[in-house]
PDB file of N, CA and C in Angstrom:
ATOM      1  N   MET A   1     -62.724 157.808 -13.438  1.00  0.00           N
ATOM      2  CA  MET A   1     -62.210 156.427 -13.221  1.00  0.00           C
ATOM      3  C   MET A   1     -61.069 156.618 -12.253  1.00  0.00           C
ATOM      4  N   ASN A   2     -60.827 155.718 -11.396  1.00  0.00           N
ATOM      5  CA  ASN A   2     -59.705 155.693 -10.514  1.00  0.00           C
ATOM      6  C   ASN A   2     -58.801 154.346 -10.830  1.00  0.00           C
ATOM      7  N   PHE A   3     -57.621 154.627 -11.447  1.00  0.00           N
ATOM      8  CA  PHE A   3     -56.844 153.404 -11.912  1.00  0.00           C
ATOM      9  C   PHE A   3     -55.486 153.444 -10.935  1.00  0.00           C
ATOM     10  N   VAL A   4     -55.012 152.405 -10.815  1.00  0.00           N
ATOM     11  CA  VAL A   4     -53.747 152.123 -10.034  1.00  0.00           C
ATOM     12  C   VAL A   4     -52.935 151.282 -11.085  1.00  0.00           C
ATOM     13  N   ARG A   5     -51.526 151.638 -11.192  1.00  0.00           N
ATOM     14  CA  ARG A   5     -50.711 150.924 -12.221  1.00  0.00           C
ATOM     15  C   ARG A   5     -49.785 150.111 -11.235  1.00  0.00           C
ATOM     16  N   ILE A   6     -49.722 148.846 -11.473  1.00  0.00           N
ATOM     17  CA  ILE A   6     -48.808 147.878 -10.800  1.00  0.00           C
ATOM     18  C   ILE A   6     -47.910 147.157 -11.762  1.00  0.00           C
ATOM     19  N   THR A   7     -46.693 146.810 -11.248  1.00  0.00           N
ATOM     20  CA  THR A   7     -45.928 145.912 -12.113  1.00  0.00           C
ATOM     21  C   THR A   7     -45.456 144.778 -11.132  1.00  0.00           C
ATOM     22  N   THR A   8     -45.683 143.534 -11.640  1.00  0.00           N
ATOM     23  CA  THR A   8     -45.346 142.302 -10.801  1.00  0.00           C
ATOM     24  C   THR A   8     -44.033 141.761 -11.123  1.00  0.00           C
ATOM     25  N   SER A   9     -43.419 140.840 -10.537  1.00  0.00           N
ATOM     26  CA  SER A   9     -42.016 140.239 -10.748  1.00  0.00           C
ATOM     27  C   SER A   9     -42.089 139.606 -12.072  1.00  0.00           C
ATOM     28  N   ASP A  10     -43.175 139.009 -12.621  1.00  0.00           N
ATOM     29  CA  ASP A  10     -43.091 138.432 -13.959  1.00  0.00           C
ATOM     30  C   ASP A  10     -43.219 139.348 -15.019  1.00  0.00           C
ATOM     31  N   GLU A  11     -42.916 140.651 -14.568  1.00  0.00           N
ATOM     32  CA  GLU A  11     -42.926 141.790 -15.571  1.00  0.00           C
ATOM     33  C   GLU A  11     -44.156 142.122 -16.245  1.00  0.00           C
ATOM     34  N   ASP A  12     -45.336 141.800 -15.590  1.00  0.00           N
ATOM     35  CA  ASP A  12     -46.651 142.116 -16.088  1.00  0.00           C
ATOM     36  C   ASP A  12     -46.963 143.523 -15.536  1.00  0.00           C
ATOM     37  N   THR A  13     -47.378 144.436 -16.395  1.00  0.00           N
ATOM     38  CA  THR A  13     -47.869 145.711 -15.955  1.00  0.00           C
ATOM     39  C   THR A  13     -49.391 145.718 -16.191  1.00  0.00           C
ATOM     40  N   ARG A  14     -50.069 146.152 -15.102  1.00  0.00           N
ATOM     41  CA  ARG A  14     -51.540 146.238 -15.243  1.00  0.00           C
ATOM     42  C   ARG A  14     -52.015 147.493 -14.614  1.00  0.00           C
ATOM     43  N   TRP A  15     -53.062 147.981 -15.306  1.00  0.00           N
ATOM     44  CA  TRP A  15     -53.866 149.129 -14.662  1.00  0.00           C
ATOM     45  C   TRP A  15     -55.228 148.744 -14.251  1.00  0.00           C
ATOM     46  N   ILE A  16     -55.422 148.781 -12.891  1.00  0.00           N
ATOM     47  CA  ILE A  16     -56.636 148.351 -12.350  1.00  0.00           C
ATOM     48  C   ILE A  16     -57.568 149.355 -12.069  1.00  0.00           C
ATOM     49  N   ASN A  17     -58.839 149.279 -12.672  1.00  0.00           N
ATOM     50  CA  ASN A  17     -59.834 150.256 -12.304  1.00  0.00           C
ATOM     51  C   ASN A  17     -60.410 150.014 -11.054  1.00  0.00           C
ATOM     52  N   LEU A  18     -60.196 150.820 -10.108  1.00  0.00           N
ATOM     53  CA  LEU A  18     -60.628 150.552  -8.593  1.00  0.00           C
ATOM     54  C   LEU A  18     -62.242 150.634  -8.563  1.00  0.00           C
ATOM     55  N   ASN A  19     -62.828 151.241  -9.470  1.00  0.00           N
ATOM     56  CA  ASN A  19     -64.277 151.477  -9.504  1.00  0.00           C
ATOM     57  C   ASN A  19     -64.926 149.948  -9.815  1.00  0.00           C
ATOM     58  N   LEU A  20     -63.995 149.079 -10.480  1.00  0.00           N
ATOM     59  CA  LEU A  20     -64.631 147.811 -10.824  1.00  0.00           C
ATOM     60  C   LEU A  20     -64.269 146.706 -10.051  1.00  0.00           C
ATOM     61  N   VAL A  21     -63.549 147.010  -8.838  1.00  0.00           N
ATOM     62  CA  VAL A  21     -63.075 146.012  -7.815  1.00  0.00           C
ATOM     63  C   VAL A  21     -64.357 145.815  -6.865  1.00  0.00           C
ATOM     64  N   SER A  22     -64.737 144.562  -6.709  1.00  0.00           N
ATOM     65  CA  SER A  22     -65.822 144.424  -5.664  1.00  0.00           C
ATOM     66  C   SER A  22     -65.191 143.933  -4.429  1.00  0.00           C
ATOM     67  N   ARG A  23     -63.964 143.392  -4.280  1.00  0.00           N
ATOM     68  CA  ARG A  23     -63.730 142.859  -3.019  1.00  0.00           C
ATOM     69  C   ARG A  23     -62.179 142.530  -3.245  1.00  0.00           C
ATOM     70  N   VAL A  24     -61.376 142.895  -2.130  1.00  0.00           N
ATOM     71  CA  VAL A  24     -59.970 142.595  -1.991  1.00  0.00           C
ATOM     72  C   VAL A  24     -59.620 142.091  -0.744  1.00  0.00           C
ATOM     73  N   THR A  25     -58.868 141.027  -0.695  1.00  0.00           N
ATOM     74  CA  THR A  25     -58.575 140.333   0.353  1.00  0.00           C
ATOM     75  C   THR A  25     -56.971 140.267   0.458  1.00  0.00           C
ATOM     76  N   ILE A  26     -56.306 140.683   1.606  1.00  0.00           N
ATOM     77  CA  ILE A  26     -54.845 140.400   1.918  1.00  0.00           C
ATOM     78  C   ILE A  26     -54.850 139.633   3.057  1.00  0.00           C
ATOM     79  N   GLU A  27     -54.004 138.476   2.918  1.00  0.00           N
ATOM     80  CA  GLU A  27     -53.876 137.480   3.917  1.00  0.00           C
ATOM     81  C   GLU A  27     -52.508 136.945   4.003  1.00  0.00           C
ATOM     82  N   THR A  28     -52.263 136.184   4.870  1.00  0.00           N
ATOM     83  CA  THR A  28     -50.865 135.544   5.041  1.00  0.00           C
ATOM     84  C   THR A  28     -51.035 134.055   4.931  1.00  0.00           C
ATOM     85  N   ASP A  29     -50.407 133.450   3.953  1.00  0.00           N
ATOM     86  CA  ASP A  29     -50.586 132.003   3.803  1.00  0.00           C
ATOM     87  C   ASP A  29     -49.851 131.151   4.912  1.00  0.00           C
ATOM     88  N   GLU A  30     -49.952 129.866   4.831  1.00  0.00           N
ATOM     89  CA  GLU A  30     -49.465 129.032   5.947  1.00  0.00           C
ATOM     90  C   GLU A  30     -47.783 129.121   5.942  1.00  0.00           C
ATOM     91  N   SER A  31     -47.208 129.534   4.814  1.00  0.00           N
ATOM     92  CA  SER A  31     -45.721 129.810   4.900  1.00  0.00           C
ATOM     93  C   SER A  31     -45.381 131.200   5.209  1.00  0.00           C
ATOM     94  N   GLY A  32     -46.250 131.974   5.565  1.00  0.00           N
ATOM     95  CA  GLY A  32     -45.981 133.357   5.929  1.00  0.00           C
ATOM     96  C   GLY A  32     -45.820 134.430   4.867  1.00  0.00           C
ATOM     97  N   ILE A  33     -46.195 134.061   3.679  1.00  0.00           N
ATOM     98  CA  ILE A  33     -46.190 134.981   2.435  1.00  0.00           C
ATOM     99  C   ILE A  33     -47.573 135.531   2.355  1.00  0.00           C
ATOM    100  N   GLU A  34     -47.413 136.945   2.115  1.00  0.00           N
ATOM    101  CA  GLU A  34     -48.589 137.824   2.045  1.00  0.00           C
ATOM    102  C   GLU A  34     -49.142 137.648   0.690  1.00  0.00           C
ATOM    103  N   VAL A  35     -50.399 137.516   0.601  1.00  0.00           N
ATOM    104  CA  VAL A  35     -51.176 137.129  -0.718  1.00  0.00           C
ATOM    105  C   VAL A  35     -52.424 138.269  -0.733  1.00  0.00           C
ATOM    106  N   LEU A  36     -52.437 138.934  -1.974  1.00  0.00           N
ATOM    107  CA  LEU A  36     -53.530 139.728  -2.341  1.00  0.00           C
ATOM    108  C   LEU A  36     -54.349 139.050  -3.282  1.00  0.00           C
ATOM    109  N   VAL A  37     -55.724 138.956  -3.149  1.00  0.00           N
ATOM    110  CA  VAL A  37     -56.634 138.462  -4.110  1.00  0.00           C
ATOM    111  C   VAL A  37     -57.666 139.595  -4.351  1.00  0.00           C
ATOM    112  N   ALA A  38     -57.949 140.048  -5.675  1.00  0.00           N
ATOM    113  CA  ALA A  38     -58.924 141.043  -5.887  1.00  0.00           C
ATOM    114  C   ALA A  38     -59.957 140.352  -6.790  1.00  0.00           C
ATOM    115  N   VAL A  39     -61.269 140.609  -6.597  1.00  0.00           N
ATOM    116  CA  VAL A  39     -62.276 140.121  -7.458  1.00  0.00           C
ATOM    117  C   VAL A  39     -63.024 141.321  -8.020  1.00  0.00           C
ATOM    118  N   PHE A  40     -63.209 141.265  -9.316  1.00  0.00           N
ATOM    119  CA  PHE A  40     -63.972 142.360  -9.929  1.00  0.00           C
ATOM    120  C   PHE A  40     -65.506 142.196 -10.004  1.00  0.00           C
ATOM    121  N   ALA A  41     -66.067 143.399 -10.031  1.00  0.00           N
ATOM    122  CA  ALA A  41     -67.489 143.506  -9.963  1.00  0.00           C
ATOM    123  C   ALA A  41     -68.194 142.857 -11.198  1.00  0.00           C
ATOM    124  N   ASP A  42     -67.511 142.688 -12.327  1.00  0.00           N
ATOM    125  CA  ASP A  42     -68.247 142.111 -13.513  1.00  0.00           C
ATOM    126  C   ASP A  42     -67.590 140.629 -13.663  1.00  0.00           C
ATOM    127  N   GLY A  43     -66.999 140.133 -12.685  1.00  0.00           N
ATOM    128  CA  GLY A  43     -66.279 138.677 -12.921  1.00  0.00           C
ATOM    129  C   GLY A  43     -66.539 137.822 -11.867  1.00  0.00           C
ATOM    130  N   SER A  44     -66.237 136.711 -12.003  1.00  0.00           N
ATOM    131  CA  SER A  44     -66.465 135.555 -11.001  1.00  0.00           C
ATOM    132  C   SER A  44     -65.199 135.301 -10.117  1.00  0.00           C
ATOM    133  N   ALA A  45     -65.274 134.476  -9.282  1.00  0.00           N
ATOM    134  CA  ALA A  45     -64.037 134.260  -8.335  1.00  0.00           C
ATOM    135  C   ALA A  45     -62.880 133.643  -9.138  1.00  0.00           C
ATOM    136  N   GLU A  46     -63.272 132.912 -10.170  1.00  0.00           N
ATOM    137  CA  GLU A  46     -62.301 132.320 -11.140  1.00  0.00           C
ATOM    138  C   GLU A  46     -61.582 133.403 -11.864  1.00  0.00           C
ATOM    139  N   ASP A  47     -62.124 134.723 -12.048  1.00  0.00           N
ATOM    140  CA  ASP A  47     -61.495 135.710 -12.815  1.00  0.00           C
ATOM    141  C   ASP A  47     -60.742 136.603 -11.887  1.00  0.00           C
ATOM    142  N   SER A  48     -60.397 136.152 -10.643  1.00  0.00           N
ATOM    143  CA  SER A  48     -59.705 137.053  -9.712  1.00  0.00           C
ATOM    144  C   SER A  48     -58.331 137.242 -10.114  1.00  0.00           C
ATOM    145  N   PHE A  49     -57.806 138.412  -9.526  1.00  0.00           N
ATOM    146  CA  PHE A  49     -56.393 138.824  -9.753  1.00  0.00           C
ATOM    147  C   PHE A  49     -55.621 138.416  -8.499  1.00  0.00           C
ATOM    148  N   ARG A  50     -54.471 137.722  -8.520  1.00  0.00           N
ATOM    149  CA  ARG A  50     -53.842 137.293  -7.274  1.00  0.00           C
ATOM    150  C   ARG A  50     -52.315 137.611  -7.402  1.00  0.00           C
ATOM    151  N   ILE A  51     -51.906 138.259  -6.276  1.00  0.00           N
ATOM    152  CA  ILE A  51     -50.310 138.577  -6.163  1.00  0.00           C
ATOM    153  C   ILE A  51     -49.795 137.879  -5.008  1.00  0.00           C
ATOM    154  N   ARG A  52     -48.807 137.120  -5.114  1.00  0.00           N
ATOM    155  CA  ARG A  52     -47.986 136.534  -3.938  1.00  0.00           C
ATOM    156  C   ARG A  52     -46.876 137.346  -3.577  1.00  0.00           C
ATOM    157  N   GLY A  53     -46.644 137.792  -2.509  1.00  0.00           N
ATOM    158  CA  GLY A  53     -45.569 138.597  -2.025  1.00  0.00           C
ATOM    159  C   GLY A  53     -44.298 137.721  -1.789  1.00  0.00           C
ATOM    160  N   THR A  54     -43.736 137.132  -2.778  1.00  0.00           N
ATOM    161  CA  THR A  54     -42.679 136.260  -2.823  1.00  0.00           C
ATOM    162  C   THR A  54     -41.340 137.067  -3.017  1.00  0.00           C
ATOM    163  N   ASP A  55     -41.401 138.190  -3.484  1.00  0.00           N
ATOM    164  CA  ASP A  55     -40.238 138.980  -3.707  1.00  0.00           C
ATOM    165  C   ASP A  55     -40.604 140.478  -3.469  1.00  0.00           C
ATOM    166  N   GLU A  56     -39.517 141.338  -3.480  1.00  0.00           N
ATOM    167  CA  GLU A  56     -39.735 142.698  -3.365  1.00  0.00           C
ATOM    168  C   GLU A  56     -40.607 143.477  -4.324  1.00  0.00           C
ATOM    169  N   VAL A  57     -40.687 143.073  -5.538  1.00  0.00           N
ATOM    170  CA  VAL A  57     -41.412 143.572  -6.575  1.00  0.00           C
ATOM    171  C   VAL A  57     -42.830 143.279  -6.287  1.00  0.00           C
ATOM    172  N   ASN A  58     -43.245 142.074  -6.005  1.00  0.00           N
ATOM    173  CA  ASN A  58     -44.650 141.773  -5.629  1.00  0.00           C
ATOM    174  C   ASN A  58     -45.142 142.397  -4.378  1.00  0.00           C
ATOM    175  N   LYS A  59     -44.306 142.507  -3.479  1.00  0.00           N
ATOM    176  CA  LYS A  59     -44.572 143.173  -2.062  1.00  0.00           C
ATOM    177  C   LYS A  59     -44.985 144.443  -2.430  1.00  0.00           C
ATOM    178  N   ALA A  60     -44.165 145.264  -3.309  1.00  0.00           N
ATOM    179  CA  ALA A  60     -44.383 146.515  -3.553  1.00  0.00           C
ATOM    180  C   ALA A  60     -45.620 146.918  -4.325  1.00  0.00           C
ATOM    181  N   ALA A  61     -45.980 145.831  -5.275  1.00  0.00           N
ATOM    182  CA  ALA A  61     -47.348 145.838  -5.802  1.00  0.00           C
ATOM    183  C   ALA A  61     -48.466 145.680  -4.918  1.00  0.00           C
ATOM    184  N   ILE A  62     -48.323 144.807  -4.013  1.00  0.00           N
ATOM    185  CA  ILE A  62     -49.447 144.696  -2.854  1.00  0.00           C
ATOM    186  C   ILE A  62     -49.560 145.926  -2.161  1.00  0.00           C
ATOM    187  N   LEU A  63     -48.413 146.493  -1.837  1.00  0.00           N
ATOM    188  CA  LEU A  63     -48.484 147.817  -1.026  1.00  0.00           C
ATOM    189  C   LEU A  63     -49.057 149.091  -1.966  1.00  0.00           C
ATOM    190  N   GLU A  64     -48.870 148.992  -3.185  1.00  0.00           N
ATOM    191  CA  GLU A  64     -49.400 150.007  -4.066  1.00  0.00           C
ATOM    192  C   GLU A  64     -50.995 149.962  -4.182  1.00  0.00           C
ATOM    193  N   ILE A  65     -51.475 148.678  -4.283  1.00  0.00           N
ATOM    194  CA  ILE A  65     -52.954 148.489  -4.397  1.00  0.00           C
ATOM    195  C   ILE A  65     -53.440 148.847  -3.010  1.00  0.00           C
ATOM    196  N   GLU A  66     -52.860 148.395  -1.934  1.00  0.00           N
ATOM    197  CA  GLU A  66     -53.410 148.787  -0.731  1.00  0.00           C
ATOM    198  C   GLU A  66     -53.493 150.324  -0.506  1.00  0.00           C
ATOM    199  N   ARG A  67     -52.428 151.026  -0.785  1.00  0.00           N
ATOM    200  CA  ARG A  67     -52.416 152.488  -0.772  1.00  0.00           C
ATOM    201  C   ARG A  67     -53.472 152.951  -1.563  1.00  0.00           C
ATOM    202  N   ALA A  68     -53.620 152.557  -2.867  1.00  0.00           N
ATOM    203  CA  ALA A  68     -54.668 153.148  -3.773  1.00  0.00           C
ATOM    204  C   ALA A  68     -56.080 152.883  -3.174  1.00  0.00           C
ATOM    205  N   LEU A  69     -56.436 151.689  -2.701  1.00  0.00           N
ATOM    206  CA  LEU A  69     -57.648 151.450  -2.229  1.00  0.00           C
ATOM    207  C   LEU A  69     -58.002 152.251  -0.929  1.00  0.00           C
ATOM    208  N   ASN A  70     -56.972 152.408  -0.020  1.00  0.00           N
ATOM    209  CA  ASN A  70     -57.170 153.440   1.070  1.00  0.00           C
ATOM    210  C   ASN A  70     -57.431 154.836   0.711  1.00  0.00           C
ATOM    211  N   HIS A  71     -56.775 155.223  -0.214  1.00  0.00           N
ATOM    212  CA  HIS A  71     -56.887 156.481  -0.829  1.00  0.00           C
ATOM    213  C   HIS A  71     -58.283 156.676  -1.409  1.00  0.00           C
ATOM    214  N   HIS A  72     -58.746 155.657  -2.243  1.00  0.00           N
ATOM    215  CA  HIS A  72     -60.003 155.540  -2.810  1.00  0.00           C
ATOM    216  C   HIS A  72     -61.079 155.601  -1.899  1.00  0.00           C
ATOM    217  N   CYS A  73     -61.027 155.178  -0.764  1.00  0.00           N
ATOM    218  CA  CYS A  73     -61.999 155.000   0.279  1.00  0.00           C
ATOM    219  C   CYS A  73     -62.317 156.422   1.057  1.00  0.00           C
ATOM    220  N   GLU A  74     -61.259 157.260   0.960  1.00  0.00           N
ATOM    221  CA  GLU A  74     -61.422 158.471   1.741  1.00  0.00           C
ATOM    222  C   GLU A  74     -62.414 159.576   1.073  1.00  0.00           C
TER     223      GLU A  74
END
């Protein structure tokens, strides 16, 4: 299993199993804020995980997931 540990600005800490992620999208919303949405293989779109890069902690969490996914793909 390949896990990545992230902490968001609301002080949630999560360990995400990259083997269970079916899709991740990183986009910029209309106000210029980066948003990450992850959908898991065993869940529906309603069970997605979302991070808004509204502060440095959330921006770091987005970067950590992106880094882990890039490494997982190698």
